[in-house]
Amino acid sequence: MAVGQTAPYIRDYYARRGGNNHGLPVGYVGVSLMSQTYLQPYVDQFIDEFGIDVCAHDYNANPLLGPVHTNGVHDLFQAPFVKPVLLVINCVSNSPSRAPGELLFNLGGGPADWPSTISSIRAAIDSVAAPPPRLTDARVSGGRFQFTFPGQIGKTNHVESTTNLLSPESWTLVRSYYGSNAPITFRDNGPFTLRQRFFRVRRQ
């Protein structure tokens, strides 16, 4: 996700928690809406003071690339020169609760109540869920059974197995995978003597 300039509270809050309530990573991007020749020294001072390490400038100083000193991105969301603009954009492609790139929160003109605004932004960010583990590409390779499932940063995926489905207590931990959004492939290295073996993935 990308989060528009909201002071450092959102950035630090999610950095300490390792993502939102569902363990999804949260990115913080500061955006300067001033043209290069208008209050730029104050913008630079603000960026340094608040330690914004990723900052995009919404202007163009090169006439070969288009109109000089535009506020093009800003004006897509608000009337010209209404500031500040606070945006929360969902860029998670596999969320079951939100569409990819969905705009979850938008506020222009300056909030009257910062604590309430911060709470609303957090609620929007935390509303984005990740899909539960789903086993795919199950097959036998080299005489070994294997399958793939999606990882999730900040969460641990436990692969468990059982030789029967009669007792909940029969499930045993085989392997744990932690902290990656990349697909995870599990390969069964259990003994060949087992007549049958069932698998499941639990995410914590």
N, C-alpha and C. Protein backbone atom coordinates (compact mmCIF):
# COMPACT_ATOMS: atom_id res chain seq x y z
N MET A 1 0.83 -1.18 0.00
CA MET A 1 0.00 0.00 0.00
C MET A 1 0.87 1.24 0.00
N ALA A 2 0.36 2.30 -0.52
CA ALA A 2 1.04 3.58 -0.45
C ALA A 2 0.19 4.53 0.36
N VAL A 3 0.82 5.23 1.26
CA VAL A 3 0.10 6.14 2.13
C VAL A 3 0.60 7.54 1.89
N GLY A 4 -0.29 8.47 1.57
CA GLY A 4 0.09 9.85 1.32
C GLY A 4 0.58 10.53 2.58
N GLN A 5 1.06 11.74 2.44
CA GLN A 5 1.69 12.46 3.54
C GLN A 5 0.71 12.65 4.69
N THR A 6 0.97 12.03 5.81
CA THR A 6 0.05 12.07 6.95
C THR A 6 0.77 12.38 8.25
N ALA A 7 1.94 13.02 8.19
CA ALA A 7 2.82 13.16 9.35
C ALA A 7 3.38 11.79 9.69
N PRO A 8 4.35 11.69 10.59
CA PRO A 8 5.07 10.42 10.73
C PRO A 8 4.31 9.34 11.49
N TYR A 9 3.14 9.66 12.03
CA TYR A 9 2.48 8.72 12.93
C TYR A 9 2.08 7.42 12.24
N ILE A 10 1.54 7.49 11.05
CA ILE A 10 1.14 6.29 10.33
C ILE A 10 2.37 5.46 9.99
N ARG A 11 3.42 6.10 9.52
CA ARG A 11 4.64 5.38 9.14
C ARG A 11 5.22 4.64 10.33
N ASP A 12 5.41 5.33 11.44
CA ASP A 12 6.03 4.71 12.61
C ASP A 12 5.12 3.65 13.22
N TYR A 13 3.82 3.91 13.22
CA TYR A 13 2.85 2.99 13.81
C TYR A 13 2.92 1.63 13.13
N TYR A 14 2.89 1.62 11.80
CA TYR A 14 2.88 0.35 11.07
C TYR A 14 4.28 -0.25 10.97
N ALA A 15 5.31 0.58 11.04
CA ALA A 15 6.67 0.05 11.05
C ALA A 15 6.90 -0.77 12.32
N ARG A 16 6.40 -0.28 13.46
CA ARG A 16 6.57 -1.01 14.71
C ARG A 16 5.74 -2.29 14.74
N ARG A 17 4.57 -2.28 14.09
CA ARG A 17 3.68 -3.43 14.13
C ARG A 17 3.99 -4.44 13.02
N GLY A 18 4.85 -4.07 12.09
CA GLY A 18 5.19 -4.99 11.00
C GLY A 18 4.09 -5.15 9.97
N GLY A 19 3.26 -4.12 9.80
CA GLY A 19 2.18 -4.19 8.82
C GLY A 19 0.83 -3.93 9.46
N ASN A 20 -0.24 -4.19 8.72
CA ASN A 20 -1.58 -3.93 9.25
C ASN A 20 -2.08 -5.11 10.08
N ASN A 21 -3.35 -5.08 10.46
CA ASN A 21 -3.90 -6.12 11.34
C ASN A 21 -3.84 -7.51 10.71
N HIS A 22 -3.74 -7.57 9.39
CA HIS A 22 -3.69 -8.85 8.70
C HIS A 22 -2.27 -9.23 8.30
N GLY A 23 -1.28 -8.47 8.82
CA GLY A 23 0.11 -8.79 8.53
C GLY A 23 0.60 -8.33 7.18
N LEU A 24 -0.18 -7.49 6.48
CA LEU A 24 0.24 -6.99 5.17
C LEU A 24 1.19 -5.81 5.33
N PRO A 25 2.23 -5.73 4.50
CA PRO A 25 3.17 -4.61 4.61
C PRO A 25 2.50 -3.30 4.24
N VAL A 26 2.93 -2.21 4.87
CA VAL A 26 2.38 -0.89 4.62
C VAL A 26 3.52 0.04 4.21
N GLY A 27 3.40 0.65 3.05
CA GLY A 27 4.40 1.59 2.57
C GLY A 27 3.96 3.02 2.80
N TYR A 28 4.92 3.88 3.13
CA TYR A 28 4.64 5.29 3.42
C TYR A 28 5.39 6.15 2.41
N VAL A 29 4.67 6.98 1.68
CA VAL A 29 5.28 7.84 0.67
C VAL A 29 4.84 9.28 0.91
N GLY A 30 5.79 10.18 1.11
CA GLY A 30 5.48 11.60 1.21
C GLY A 30 5.44 12.22 -0.17
N VAL A 31 4.45 13.06 -0.43
CA VAL A 31 4.30 13.68 -1.74
C VAL A 31 4.30 15.20 -1.59
N SER A 32 5.22 15.87 -2.28
CA SER A 32 5.27 17.33 -2.27
C SER A 32 4.38 17.86 -3.39
N LEU A 33 3.40 18.69 -3.02
CA LEU A 33 2.47 19.23 -4.00
C LEU A 33 2.81 20.66 -4.41
N MET A 34 3.92 21.17 -3.91
CA MET A 34 4.35 22.52 -4.28
C MET A 34 5.12 22.46 -5.60
N SER A 35 4.97 23.53 -6.41
CA SER A 35 5.81 23.62 -7.60
C SER A 35 7.24 23.92 -7.16
N GLN A 36 8.19 23.69 -8.04
CA GLN A 36 9.60 23.77 -7.65
C GLN A 36 10.00 25.18 -7.20
N THR A 37 9.35 26.20 -7.72
CA THR A 37 9.74 27.57 -7.41
C THR A 37 8.88 28.19 -6.32
N TYR A 38 7.97 27.40 -5.70
CA TYR A 38 7.05 27.96 -4.71
C TYR A 38 7.25 27.27 -3.38
N LEU A 39 7.84 27.96 -2.42
CA LEU A 39 8.03 27.45 -1.06
C LEU A 39 8.86 26.17 -1.01
N GLN A 40 9.67 25.93 -2.04
CA GLN A 40 10.44 24.69 -2.06
C GLN A 40 11.40 24.56 -0.86
N PRO A 41 12.07 25.65 -0.43
CA PRO A 41 12.95 25.50 0.74
C PRO A 41 12.20 25.03 1.99
N TYR A 42 10.94 25.47 2.15
CA TYR A 42 10.16 25.05 3.31
C TYR A 42 9.75 23.58 3.19
N VAL A 43 9.48 23.16 1.96
CA VAL A 43 9.16 21.75 1.73
C VAL A 43 10.37 20.88 2.06
N ASP A 44 11.55 21.29 1.62
CA ASP A 44 12.76 20.54 1.91
C ASP A 44 13.02 20.47 3.41
N GLN A 45 12.76 21.57 4.10
CA GLN A 45 12.95 21.59 5.55
C GLN A 45 11.99 20.62 6.24
N PHE A 46 10.74 20.60 5.76
CA PHE A 46 9.75 19.68 6.32
C PHE A 46 10.17 18.23 6.12
N ILE A 47 10.65 17.92 4.91
CA ILE A 47 11.08 16.55 4.60
C ILE A 47 12.22 16.12 5.53
N ASP A 48 13.18 17.02 5.74
CA ASP A 48 14.30 16.71 6.62
C ASP A 48 13.85 16.58 8.07
N GLU A 49 12.98 17.48 8.51
CA GLU A 49 12.56 17.51 9.91
C GLU A 49 11.81 16.25 10.30
N PHE A 50 10.95 15.74 9.40
CA PHE A 50 10.14 14.58 9.71
C PHE A 50 10.78 13.27 9.23
N GLY A 51 11.99 13.35 8.68
CA GLY A 51 12.69 12.14 8.29
C GLY A 51 11.99 11.34 7.22
N ILE A 52 11.40 12.01 6.25
CA ILE A 52 10.71 11.32 5.15
C ILE A 52 11.77 10.83 4.17
N ASP A 53 12.00 9.52 4.14
CA ASP A 53 13.07 8.98 3.32
C ASP A 53 12.64 8.68 1.89
N VAL A 54 11.33 8.58 1.65
CA VAL A 54 10.81 8.40 0.30
C VAL A 54 9.84 9.54 0.02
N CYS A 55 10.18 10.40 -0.92
CA CYS A 55 9.33 11.56 -1.21
C CYS A 55 9.22 11.76 -2.72
N ALA A 56 8.01 11.88 -3.21
CA ALA A 56 7.76 12.16 -4.62
C ALA A 56 7.33 13.62 -4.76
N HIS A 57 7.89 14.32 -5.75
CA HIS A 57 7.56 15.72 -5.99
C HIS A 57 6.61 15.82 -7.18
N ASP A 58 5.46 16.44 -6.95
CA ASP A 58 4.45 16.53 -8.00
C ASP A 58 4.64 17.81 -8.80
N TYR A 59 5.76 17.89 -9.48
CA TYR A 59 5.97 18.99 -10.41
C TYR A 59 6.94 18.55 -11.48
N ASN A 60 7.06 19.36 -12.52
CA ASN A 60 7.94 19.03 -13.63
C ASN A 60 8.74 20.27 -14.01
N ALA A 61 10.06 20.17 -13.90
CA ALA A 61 10.92 21.29 -14.24
C ALA A 61 11.46 21.20 -15.66
N ASN A 62 11.14 20.12 -16.37
CA ASN A 62 11.68 19.91 -17.71
C ASN A 62 10.59 20.12 -18.75
N PRO A 63 10.66 21.21 -19.55
CA PRO A 63 9.60 21.48 -20.54
C PRO A 63 9.50 20.41 -21.61
N LEU A 64 10.55 19.61 -21.79
CA LEU A 64 10.49 18.53 -22.77
C LEU A 64 9.58 17.40 -22.32
N LEU A 65 9.27 17.37 -21.01
CA LEU A 65 8.43 16.30 -20.47
C LEU A 65 6.99 16.73 -20.26
N GLY A 66 6.67 17.99 -20.59
CA GLY A 66 5.30 18.48 -20.41
C GLY A 66 5.29 19.86 -19.80
N PRO A 67 4.10 20.36 -19.42
CA PRO A 67 4.01 21.70 -18.81
C PRO A 67 4.88 21.81 -17.56
N VAL A 68 5.55 22.93 -17.45
CA VAL A 68 6.47 23.14 -16.33
C VAL A 68 5.69 23.48 -15.07
N HIS A 69 6.14 22.94 -13.93
CA HIS A 69 5.58 23.25 -12.61
C HIS A 69 4.09 22.96 -12.52
N THR A 70 3.74 21.76 -12.84
CA THR A 70 2.34 21.37 -12.74
C THR A 70 2.05 20.74 -11.38
N ASN A 71 0.79 20.66 -11.05
CA ASN A 71 0.33 19.89 -9.90
C ASN A 71 -0.65 18.84 -10.39
N GLY A 72 -0.24 18.12 -11.42
CA GLY A 72 -1.15 17.23 -12.13
C GLY A 72 -1.76 16.14 -11.27
N VAL A 73 -0.94 15.44 -10.48
CA VAL A 73 -1.47 14.36 -9.66
C VAL A 73 -2.41 14.90 -8.59
N HIS A 74 -2.02 16.01 -7.98
CA HIS A 74 -2.86 16.64 -6.95
C HIS A 74 -4.23 16.97 -7.51
N ASP A 75 -4.27 17.54 -8.72
CA ASP A 75 -5.54 18.01 -9.27
C ASP A 75 -6.45 16.87 -9.72
N LEU A 76 -5.93 15.67 -9.78
CA LEU A 76 -6.80 14.53 -10.08
C LEU A 76 -7.76 14.25 -8.94
N PHE A 77 -7.35 14.63 -7.71
CA PHE A 77 -8.13 14.29 -6.53
C PHE A 77 -8.81 15.49 -5.88
N GLN A 78 -8.21 16.68 -6.02
CA GLN A 78 -8.73 17.86 -5.33
C GLN A 78 -8.70 19.07 -6.26
N ALA A 79 -9.44 20.11 -5.87
CA ALA A 79 -9.34 21.38 -6.59
C ALA A 79 -7.92 21.91 -6.46
N PRO A 80 -7.44 22.68 -7.48
CA PRO A 80 -6.06 23.17 -7.42
C PRO A 80 -5.75 23.91 -6.13
N PHE A 81 -4.60 23.59 -5.55
CA PHE A 81 -4.04 24.29 -4.39
C PHE A 81 -4.84 24.10 -3.11
N VAL A 82 -5.69 23.10 -3.06
CA VAL A 82 -6.29 22.69 -1.79
C VAL A 82 -5.32 21.72 -1.13
N LYS A 83 -4.85 22.05 0.06
CA LYS A 83 -3.82 21.25 0.72
C LYS A 83 -4.16 21.11 2.19
N PRO A 84 -3.68 20.05 2.87
CA PRO A 84 -2.97 18.91 2.30
C PRO A 84 -3.93 17.88 1.72
N VAL A 85 -3.39 16.91 1.04
CA VAL A 85 -4.17 15.79 0.52
C VAL A 85 -3.67 14.53 1.20
N LEU A 86 -4.57 13.78 1.81
CA LEU A 86 -4.23 12.53 2.48
C LEU A 86 -4.87 11.39 1.71
N LEU A 87 -4.06 10.44 1.28
CA LEU A 87 -4.55 9.34 0.47
C LEU A 87 -4.12 8.01 1.06
N VAL A 88 -4.97 7.04 0.97
CA VAL A 88 -4.60 5.66 1.26
C VAL A 88 -4.99 4.85 0.04
N ILE A 89 -4.01 4.22 -0.61
CA ILE A 89 -4.25 3.48 -1.83
C ILE A 89 -3.91 2.02 -1.61
N ASN A 90 -4.85 1.16 -1.89
CA ASN A 90 -4.63 -0.28 -1.76
C ASN A 90 -4.00 -0.80 -3.04
N CYS A 91 -2.78 -1.33 -2.93
CA CYS A 91 -2.10 -1.89 -4.09
C CYS A 91 -1.90 -3.39 -3.98
N VAL A 92 -2.63 -4.03 -3.07
CA VAL A 92 -2.51 -5.46 -2.89
C VAL A 92 -3.39 -6.16 -3.92
N SER A 93 -2.78 -7.05 -4.70
CA SER A 93 -3.50 -7.64 -5.84
C SER A 93 -4.33 -8.86 -5.46
N ASN A 94 -4.05 -9.48 -4.31
CA ASN A 94 -4.74 -10.73 -4.01
C ASN A 94 -5.61 -10.62 -2.76
N SER A 95 -6.05 -9.42 -2.42
CA SER A 95 -6.91 -9.25 -1.25
C SER A 95 -8.33 -9.69 -1.57
N PRO A 96 -8.96 -10.47 -0.67
CA PRO A 96 -10.35 -10.87 -0.90
C PRO A 96 -11.34 -9.78 -0.50
N SER A 97 -10.85 -8.70 0.13
CA SER A 97 -11.75 -7.67 0.65
C SER A 97 -11.70 -6.37 -0.14
N ARG A 98 -10.64 -6.15 -0.92
CA ARG A 98 -10.47 -4.89 -1.64
C ARG A 98 -9.94 -5.13 -3.03
N ALA A 99 -10.36 -4.27 -3.97
CA ALA A 99 -9.88 -4.37 -5.34
C ALA A 99 -8.46 -3.80 -5.43
N PRO A 100 -7.61 -4.34 -6.33
CA PRO A 100 -6.26 -3.80 -6.47
C PRO A 100 -6.28 -2.32 -6.85
N GLY A 101 -5.48 -1.52 -6.17
CA GLY A 101 -5.40 -0.10 -6.48
C GLY A 101 -6.58 0.72 -6.02
N GLU A 102 -7.42 0.16 -5.17
CA GLU A 102 -8.61 0.87 -4.71
C GLU A 102 -8.23 2.02 -3.77
N LEU A 103 -8.84 3.19 -3.98
CA LEU A 103 -8.63 4.33 -3.10
C LEU A 103 -9.50 4.15 -1.87
N LEU A 104 -8.87 3.98 -0.71
CA LEU A 104 -9.60 3.66 0.51
C LEU A 104 -9.93 4.87 1.35
N PHE A 105 -9.13 5.94 1.22
CA PHE A 105 -9.32 7.12 2.07
C PHE A 105 -8.83 8.33 1.30
N ASN A 106 -9.55 9.42 1.37
CA ASN A 106 -9.15 10.64 0.65
C ASN A 106 -9.68 11.85 1.40
N LEU A 107 -8.78 12.73 1.77
CA LEU A 107 -9.19 13.94 2.49
C LEU A 107 -8.34 15.11 2.02
N GLY A 108 -8.98 16.17 1.56
CA GLY A 108 -8.27 17.37 1.13
C GLY A 108 -8.71 18.59 1.90
N GLY A 109 -7.83 19.58 1.98
CA GLY A 109 -8.17 20.83 2.63
C GLY A 109 -7.75 20.92 4.08
N GLY A 110 -7.23 19.85 4.63
CA GLY A 110 -6.74 19.89 6.00
C GLY A 110 -7.76 19.40 6.99
N PRO A 111 -7.44 18.38 7.77
CA PRO A 111 -8.40 17.84 8.74
C PRO A 111 -8.56 18.77 9.93
N ALA A 112 -9.79 18.86 10.43
CA ALA A 112 -10.05 19.68 11.62
C ALA A 112 -9.68 18.94 12.89
N ASP A 113 -9.70 17.61 12.83
CA ASP A 113 -9.45 16.80 14.01
C ASP A 113 -8.42 15.73 13.65
N TRP A 114 -7.15 15.98 13.98
CA TRP A 114 -6.09 15.05 13.60
C TRP A 114 -6.26 13.67 14.22
N PRO A 115 -6.53 13.54 15.52
CA PRO A 115 -6.69 12.19 16.08
C PRO A 115 -7.77 11.37 15.38
N SER A 116 -8.90 12.02 15.05
CA SER A 116 -9.97 11.32 14.35
C SER A 116 -9.53 10.92 12.94
N THR A 117 -8.77 11.82 12.29
CA THR A 117 -8.29 11.53 10.94
C THR A 117 -7.33 10.35 10.94
N ILE A 118 -6.40 10.34 11.89
CA ILE A 118 -5.44 9.25 11.99
C ILE A 118 -6.17 7.93 12.23
N SER A 119 -7.19 7.95 13.10
CA SER A 119 -7.96 6.74 13.36
C SER A 119 -8.66 6.26 12.11
N SER A 120 -9.19 7.19 11.31
CA SER A 120 -9.88 6.82 10.07
C SER A 120 -8.92 6.22 9.06
N ILE A 121 -7.71 6.78 8.99
CA ILE A 121 -6.70 6.25 8.07
C ILE A 121 -6.30 4.84 8.48
N ARG A 122 -6.09 4.64 9.78
CA ARG A 122 -5.72 3.31 10.27
C ARG A 122 -6.82 2.30 9.98
N ALA A 123 -8.08 2.72 10.15
CA ALA A 123 -9.20 1.81 9.88
C ALA A 123 -9.22 1.40 8.42
N ALA A 124 -8.92 2.37 7.53
CA ALA A 124 -8.90 2.05 6.10
C ALA A 124 -7.78 1.07 5.78
N ILE A 125 -6.60 1.31 6.35
CA ILE A 125 -5.46 0.43 6.10
C ILE A 125 -5.73 -0.97 6.64
N ASP A 126 -6.27 -1.03 7.85
CA ASP A 126 -6.50 -2.33 8.50
C ASP A 126 -7.66 -3.10 7.87
N SER A 127 -8.46 -2.44 7.03
CA SER A 127 -9.59 -3.13 6.40
C SER A 127 -9.14 -4.04 5.27
N VAL A 128 -7.89 -3.88 4.82
CA VAL A 128 -7.40 -4.69 3.70
C VAL A 128 -6.90 -6.02 4.23
N ALA A 129 -7.54 -7.10 3.81
CA ALA A 129 -7.20 -8.44 4.28
C ALA A 129 -6.42 -9.20 3.22
N ALA A 130 -5.71 -10.20 3.66
CA ALA A 130 -5.01 -11.09 2.74
C ALA A 130 -5.80 -12.39 2.64
N PRO A 131 -5.66 -13.10 1.54
CA PRO A 131 -6.40 -14.35 1.39
C PRO A 131 -5.87 -15.42 2.33
N PRO A 132 -6.71 -16.34 2.76
CA PRO A 132 -6.21 -17.47 3.56
C PRO A 132 -5.32 -18.36 2.70
N PRO A 133 -4.47 -19.17 3.33
CA PRO A 133 -3.61 -20.06 2.54
C PRO A 133 -4.45 -20.98 1.66
N ARG A 134 -4.06 -21.11 0.42
CA ARG A 134 -4.73 -22.01 -0.51
C ARG A 134 -3.69 -22.88 -1.18
N LEU A 135 -3.86 -24.17 -1.09
CA LEU A 135 -2.89 -25.09 -1.64
C LEU A 135 -3.12 -25.25 -3.14
N THR A 136 -2.06 -25.03 -3.92
CA THR A 136 -2.14 -25.14 -5.38
C THR A 136 -0.95 -25.96 -5.89
N ASP A 137 -1.02 -26.30 -7.16
CA ASP A 137 0.07 -27.00 -7.85
C ASP A 137 0.48 -28.27 -7.10
N ALA A 138 -0.50 -28.99 -6.57
CA ALA A 138 -0.21 -30.25 -5.88
C ALA A 138 0.17 -31.32 -6.90
N ARG A 139 1.33 -31.96 -6.71
CA ARG A 139 1.79 -32.97 -7.67
C ARG A 139 2.90 -33.80 -7.04
N VAL A 140 3.27 -34.84 -7.71
CA VAL A 140 4.39 -35.68 -7.31
C VAL A 140 5.57 -35.36 -8.21
N SER A 141 6.69 -35.03 -7.60
CA SER A 141 7.90 -34.69 -8.34
C SER A 141 9.08 -35.45 -7.74
N GLY A 142 9.76 -36.23 -8.57
CA GLY A 142 10.88 -37.01 -8.07
C GLY A 142 10.47 -38.01 -7.01
N GLY A 143 9.25 -38.50 -7.10
CA GLY A 143 8.76 -39.47 -6.13
C GLY A 143 8.29 -38.85 -4.82
N ARG A 144 8.25 -37.51 -4.74
CA ARG A 144 7.83 -36.83 -3.53
C ARG A 144 6.63 -35.92 -3.82
N PHE A 145 5.69 -35.93 -2.90
CA PHE A 145 4.51 -35.07 -3.03
C PHE A 145 4.87 -33.65 -2.64
N GLN A 146 4.37 -32.66 -3.39
CA GLN A 146 4.63 -31.27 -3.07
C GLN A 146 3.43 -30.41 -3.45
N PHE A 147 3.34 -29.23 -2.82
CA PHE A 147 2.29 -28.27 -3.15
C PHE A 147 2.81 -26.87 -2.83
N THR A 148 2.10 -25.87 -3.35
CA THR A 148 2.49 -24.47 -3.18
C THR A 148 1.35 -23.72 -2.51
N PHE A 149 1.70 -22.73 -1.68
CA PHE A 149 0.70 -21.88 -1.05
C PHE A 149 1.28 -20.47 -0.88
N PRO A 150 0.42 -19.44 -0.77
CA PRO A 150 0.93 -18.07 -0.66
C PRO A 150 1.46 -17.77 0.73
N GLY A 151 2.58 -17.09 0.80
CA GLY A 151 3.09 -16.61 2.07
C GLY A 151 2.44 -15.29 2.45
N GLN A 152 2.73 -14.81 3.63
CA GLN A 152 2.23 -13.51 4.06
C GLN A 152 3.21 -12.92 5.06
N ILE A 153 3.72 -11.74 4.75
CA ILE A 153 4.72 -11.12 5.60
C ILE A 153 4.15 -10.88 7.00
N GLY A 154 4.97 -11.13 8.00
CA GLY A 154 4.54 -10.93 9.37
C GLY A 154 3.75 -12.08 9.96
N LYS A 155 3.48 -13.09 9.18
CA LYS A 155 2.71 -14.24 9.64
C LYS A 155 3.52 -15.53 9.48
N THR A 156 3.20 -16.51 10.31
CA THR A 156 3.84 -17.82 10.21
C THR A 156 2.85 -18.82 9.64
N ASN A 157 3.27 -19.58 8.63
CA ASN A 157 2.46 -20.63 8.04
C ASN A 157 2.97 -21.98 8.54
N HIS A 158 2.10 -22.72 9.20
CA HIS A 158 2.45 -24.04 9.72
C HIS A 158 1.87 -25.12 8.82
N VAL A 159 2.74 -25.95 8.26
CA VAL A 159 2.30 -27.12 7.49
C VAL A 159 2.17 -28.28 8.47
N GLU A 160 0.97 -28.84 8.53
CA GLU A 160 0.70 -29.95 9.44
C GLU A 160 0.21 -31.15 8.65
N SER A 161 0.38 -32.33 9.23
CA SER A 161 -0.04 -33.54 8.54
C SER A 161 -0.68 -34.52 9.51
N THR A 162 -1.43 -35.45 8.96
CA THR A 162 -2.04 -36.53 9.72
C THR A 162 -2.21 -37.73 8.79
N THR A 163 -2.26 -38.92 9.39
CA THR A 163 -2.49 -40.12 8.58
C THR A 163 -3.96 -40.53 8.58
N ASN A 164 -4.78 -39.79 9.37
CA ASN A 164 -6.23 -40.03 9.33
C ASN A 164 -6.94 -38.72 9.64
N LEU A 165 -8.19 -38.65 9.30
CA LEU A 165 -8.99 -37.44 9.53
C LEU A 165 -10.03 -37.65 10.62
N LEU A 166 -9.77 -38.61 11.49
CA LEU A 166 -10.76 -38.97 12.50
C LEU A 166 -10.64 -38.17 13.78
N SER A 167 -9.44 -37.70 14.08
CA SER A 167 -9.21 -37.02 15.35
C SER A 167 -8.50 -35.69 15.14
N PRO A 168 -9.03 -34.58 15.71
CA PRO A 168 -8.35 -33.29 15.60
C PRO A 168 -6.95 -33.31 16.23
N GLU A 169 -6.75 -34.19 17.21
CA GLU A 169 -5.47 -34.26 17.90
C GLU A 169 -4.40 -34.99 17.08
N SER A 170 -4.80 -35.56 15.96
CA SER A 170 -3.85 -36.36 15.19
C SER A 170 -2.94 -35.50 14.30
N TRP A 171 -3.25 -34.21 14.17
CA TRP A 171 -2.43 -33.34 13.32
C TRP A 171 -1.10 -33.03 14.02
N THR A 172 -0.01 -33.16 13.28
CA THR A 172 1.32 -32.85 13.82
C THR A 172 2.03 -31.85 12.91
N LEU A 173 2.86 -31.02 13.52
CA LEU A 173 3.59 -30.00 12.77
C LEU A 173 4.71 -30.65 11.96
N VAL A 174 4.78 -30.29 10.68
CA VAL A 174 5.83 -30.79 9.80
C VAL A 174 6.90 -29.73 9.59
N ARG A 175 6.45 -28.50 9.28
CA ARG A 175 7.40 -27.43 9.02
C ARG A 175 6.69 -26.08 9.14
N SER A 176 7.44 -25.04 9.54
CA SER A 176 6.90 -23.69 9.65
C SER A 176 7.66 -22.75 8.72
N TYR A 177 6.92 -21.84 8.11
CA TYR A 177 7.50 -20.85 7.22
C TYR A 177 7.07 -19.47 7.71
N TYR A 178 8.02 -18.54 7.83
CA TYR A 178 7.71 -17.23 8.41
C TYR A 178 8.13 -16.09 7.50
N GLY A 179 7.27 -15.06 7.45
CA GLY A 179 7.65 -13.73 7.00
C GLY A 179 7.98 -13.51 5.55
N SER A 180 7.22 -14.05 4.63
CA SER A 180 7.46 -13.78 3.21
C SER A 180 6.14 -13.70 2.47
N ASN A 181 6.04 -12.75 1.52
CA ASN A 181 4.86 -12.66 0.67
C ASN A 181 5.01 -13.52 -0.59
N ALA A 182 6.15 -14.14 -0.74
CA ALA A 182 6.40 -14.96 -1.94
C ALA A 182 5.68 -16.30 -1.82
N PRO A 183 5.37 -16.93 -2.94
CA PRO A 183 4.80 -18.27 -2.89
C PRO A 183 5.77 -19.24 -2.23
N ILE A 184 5.23 -20.17 -1.46
CA ILE A 184 6.03 -21.15 -0.73
C ILE A 184 5.71 -22.55 -1.26
N THR A 185 6.73 -23.30 -1.58
CA THR A 185 6.54 -24.67 -2.03
C THR A 185 6.99 -25.63 -0.94
N PHE A 186 6.07 -26.47 -0.51
CA PHE A 186 6.37 -27.49 0.49
C PHE A 186 6.59 -28.82 -0.22
N ARG A 187 7.64 -29.54 0.19
CA ARG A 187 7.96 -30.85 -0.38
C ARG A 187 7.97 -31.87 0.75
N ASP A 188 7.18 -32.91 0.61
CA ASP A 188 7.05 -33.92 1.65
C ASP A 188 8.24 -34.87 1.63
N ASN A 189 8.99 -34.88 2.72
CA ASN A 189 10.12 -35.79 2.84
C ASN A 189 9.85 -36.89 3.86
N GLY A 190 8.57 -37.15 4.12
CA GLY A 190 8.19 -38.20 5.06
C GLY A 190 8.51 -39.58 4.52
N PRO A 191 8.40 -40.57 5.37
CA PRO A 191 8.74 -41.94 4.96
C PRO A 191 7.78 -42.47 3.90
N PHE A 192 8.32 -43.27 2.99
CA PHE A 192 7.52 -43.86 1.92
C PHE A 192 6.59 -44.96 2.43
N THR A 193 6.81 -45.39 3.68
CA THR A 193 6.03 -46.52 4.19
C THR A 193 4.60 -46.15 4.55
N LEU A 194 4.31 -44.84 4.62
CA LEU A 194 2.96 -44.41 4.98
C LEU A 194 2.00 -44.68 3.82
N ARG A 195 0.87 -45.31 4.12
CA ARG A 195 -0.13 -45.60 3.08
C ARG A 195 -0.82 -44.33 2.61
N GLN A 196 -1.08 -43.39 3.53
CA GLN A 196 -1.74 -42.14 3.17
C GLN A 196 -1.31 -41.06 4.15
N ARG A 197 -1.36 -39.83 3.67
CA ARG A 197 -0.97 -38.69 4.50
C ARG A 197 -1.74 -37.47 4.03
N PHE A 198 -2.36 -36.75 4.96
CA PHE A 198 -3.13 -35.55 4.65
C PHE A 198 -2.39 -34.33 5.17
N PHE A 199 -2.53 -33.20 4.45
CA PHE A 199 -1.83 -31.98 4.82
C PHE A 199 -2.81 -30.82 4.96
N ARG A 200 -2.44 -29.87 5.79
CA ARG A 200 -3.15 -28.61 5.89
C ARG A 200 -2.14 -27.52 6.23
N VAL A 201 -2.54 -26.25 6.00
CA VAL A 201 -1.68 -25.11 6.35
C VAL A 201 -2.47 -24.20 7.27
N ARG A 202 -1.90 -23.90 8.42
CA ARG A 202 -2.50 -22.95 9.37
C ARG A 202 -1.64 -21.71 9.42
N ARG A 203 -2.27 -20.54 9.36
CA ARG A 203 -1.55 -19.26 9.39
C ARG A 203 -1.78 -18.58 10.73
N GLN A 204 -0.70 -18.16 11.37
CA GLN A 204 -0.80 -17.45 12.65
C GLN A 204 -0.07 -16.13 12.58
